[in-house]
Amino acid sequence: MVSPSYMDRICAMFDSFCKTVSRNYYRDLLRAEKRRNDHYKEEPVDYCPVYGAGAADKVRAGVGVRGHHLQRDGGGD
């Protein structure tokens, strides 16, 4: 039979584990909320996933990604 002191220690360890998990989960939620609030923007964002920032403006201006001018008929350099 298991001694009562051993059972008390097991219960205390489980209690400590549960409190740690709860605290870490709460901290993660706070971190995620802060990250969301830091990166949230009201103004519209120009998004061009293939070429990176500013590439959409270059494409609209007829300039290729590496500065080469694009032909309007769909051809390259």
C-alpha atoms as a PDB file:
ATOM      1  CA  MET A   1       0.000   0.000   0.000  1.00  0.00           C
ATOM      2  CA  VAL A   2       1.176   3.523  -0.821  1.00  0.00           C
ATOM      3  CA  SER A   3       1.950   5.729   2.160  1.00  0.00           C
ATOM      4  CA  PRO A   4      -0.181   8.853   2.704  1.00  0.00           C
ATOM      5  CA  SER A   5       2.848  11.124   2.568  1.00  0.00           C
ATOM      6  CA  TYR A   6       3.746   9.749  -0.879  1.00  0.00           C
ATOM      7  CA  MET A   7       0.189  10.386  -2.114  1.00  0.00           C
ATOM      8  CA  ASP A   8       0.341  13.923  -0.726  1.00  0.00           C
ATOM      9  CA  ARG A   9       3.592  14.543  -2.606  1.00  0.00           C
ATOM     10  CA  ILE A  10       2.106  13.196  -5.837  1.00  0.00           C
ATOM     11  CA  CYS A  11      -0.949  15.449  -5.412  1.00  0.00           C
ATOM     12  CA  ALA A  12       1.297  18.454  -4.681  1.00  0.00           C
ATOM     13  CA  MET A  13       3.423  17.760  -7.790  1.00  0.00           C
ATOM     14  CA  PHE A  14       0.327  17.430  -9.963  1.00  0.00           C
ATOM     15  CA  ASP A  15      -1.085  20.654  -8.494  1.00  0.00           C
ATOM     16  CA  SER A  16       2.184  22.469  -9.194  1.00  0.00           C
ATOM     17  CA  PHE A  17       2.255  21.104 -12.752  1.00  0.00           C
ATOM     18  CA  CYS A  18      -1.318  22.252 -13.424  1.00  0.00           C
ATOM     19  CA  LYS A  19      -0.602  25.731 -12.094  1.00  0.00           C
ATOM     20  CA  THR A  20       2.528  26.004 -14.242  1.00  0.00           C
ATOM     21  CA  VAL A  21       0.685  24.916 -17.382  1.00  0.00           C
ATOM     22  CA  SER A  22      -2.147  27.368 -16.691  1.00  0.00           C
ATOM     23  CA  ARG A  23       0.281  30.228 -16.058  1.00  0.00           C
ATOM     24  CA  ASN A  24       2.259  29.485 -19.241  1.00  0.00           C
ATOM     25  CA  TYR A  25      -0.928  29.286 -21.307  1.00  0.00           C
ATOM     26  CA  TYR A  26      -2.113  32.639 -19.939  1.00  0.00           C
ATOM     27  CA  ARG A  27       1.272  34.256 -20.644  1.00  0.00           C
ATOM     28  CA  ASP A  28       1.195  32.889 -24.194  1.00  0.00           C
ATOM     29  CA  LEU A  29      -2.258  34.387 -24.723  1.00  0.00           C
ATOM     30  CA  LEU A  30      -1.003  37.765 -23.500  1.00  0.00           C
ATOM     31  CA  ARG A  31       2.054  37.554 -25.779  1.00  0.00           C
ATOM     32  CA  ALA A  32      -0.127  36.683 -28.773  1.00  0.00           C
ATOM     33  CA  GLU A  33      -2.470  39.597 -28.043  1.00  0.00           C
ATOM     34  CA  LYS A  34       0.466  42.018 -27.747  1.00  0.00           C
ATOM     35  CA  ARG A  35       1.950  40.722 -31.011  1.00  0.00           C
ATOM     36  CA  ARG A  36      -1.423  41.112 -32.749  1.00  0.00           C
ATOM     37  CA  ASN A  37      -1.833  44.652 -31.462  1.00  0.00           C
ATOM     38  CA  ASP A  38       1.736  45.628 -32.416  1.00  0.00           C
ATOM     39  CA  HIS A  39       1.335  44.487 -36.025  1.00  0.00           C
ATOM     40  CA  TYR A  40      -2.270  45.511 -36.639  1.00  0.00           C
ATOM     41  CA  LYS A  41      -2.635  48.406 -39.080  1.00  0.00           C
ATOM     42  CA  GLU A  42      -5.692  50.415 -40.048  1.00  0.00           C
ATOM     43  CA  GLU A  43      -4.397  51.580 -43.439  1.00  0.00           C
ATOM     44  CA  PRO A  44      -4.500  49.314 -46.505  1.00  0.00           C
ATOM     45  CA  VAL A  45      -1.397  47.277 -47.231  1.00  0.00           C
ATOM     46  CA  ASP A  46       0.052  46.758 -50.717  1.00  0.00           C
ATOM     47  CA  TYR A  47       0.668  43.015 -50.952  1.00  0.00           C
ATOM     48  CA  CYS A  48       2.730  41.277 -53.619  1.00  0.00           C
ATOM     49  CA  PRO A  49       3.679  37.825 -52.247  1.00  0.00           C
ATOM     50  CA  VAL A  50       6.033  36.747 -55.034  1.00  0.00           C
ATOM     51  CA  TYR A  51       8.542  39.588 -55.251  1.00  0.00           C
ATOM     52  CA  GLY A  52       8.443  41.256 -51.836  1.00  0.00           C
ATOM     53  CA  ALA A  53       7.818  44.825 -50.723  1.00  0.00           C
ATOM     54  CA  GLY A  54       7.472  47.437 -53.453  1.00  0.00           C
ATOM     55  CA  ALA A  55       7.332  44.919 -56.285  1.00  0.00           C
ATOM     56  CA  ALA A  56       3.693  45.677 -57.046  1.00  0.00           C
ATOM     57  CA  ASP A  57       4.572  49.344 -57.696  1.00  0.00           C
ATOM     58  CA  LYS A  58       7.376  48.298 -60.057  1.00  0.00           C
ATOM     59  CA  VAL A  59       5.056  45.961 -61.952  1.00  0.00           C
ATOM     60  CA  ARG A  60       2.460  48.741 -62.283  1.00  0.00           C
ATOM     61  CA  ALA A  61       5.181  51.103 -63.568  1.00  0.00           C
ATOM     62  CA  GLY A  62       6.347  48.535 -66.141  1.00  0.00           C
ATOM     63  CA  VAL A  63       9.705  47.893 -64.478  1.00  0.00           C
ATOM     64  CA  GLY A  64      10.825  44.336 -63.848  1.00  0.00           C
ATOM     65  CA  VAL A  65      11.933  43.022 -60.514  1.00  0.00           C
ATOM     66  CA  ARG A  66      15.628  43.515 -61.228  1.00  0.00           C
ATOM     67  CA  GLY A  67      15.117  46.931 -62.823  1.00  0.00           C
ATOM     68  CA  HIS A  68      14.587  45.633 -66.363  1.00  0.00           C
ATOM     69  CA  HIS A  69      11.728  47.207 -68.284  1.00  0.00           C
ATOM     70  CA  LEU A  70       8.879  44.876 -69.113  1.00  0.00           C
ATOM     71  CA  GLN A  71       7.266  44.882 -72.516  1.00  0.00           C
ATOM     72  CA  ARG A  72       3.552  45.626 -72.458  1.00  0.00           C
ATOM     73  CA  ASP A  73       2.769  42.748 -74.825  1.00  0.00           C
ATOM     74  CA  GLY A  74       3.671  40.221 -72.106  1.00  0.00           C
ATOM     75  CA  GLY A  75       7.253  39.550 -73.200  1.00  0.00           C
ATOM     76  CA  GLY A  76      10.390  39.951 -71.114  1.00  0.00           C
ATOM     77  CA  ASP A  77      13.513  41.990 -71.833  1.00  0.00           C
END
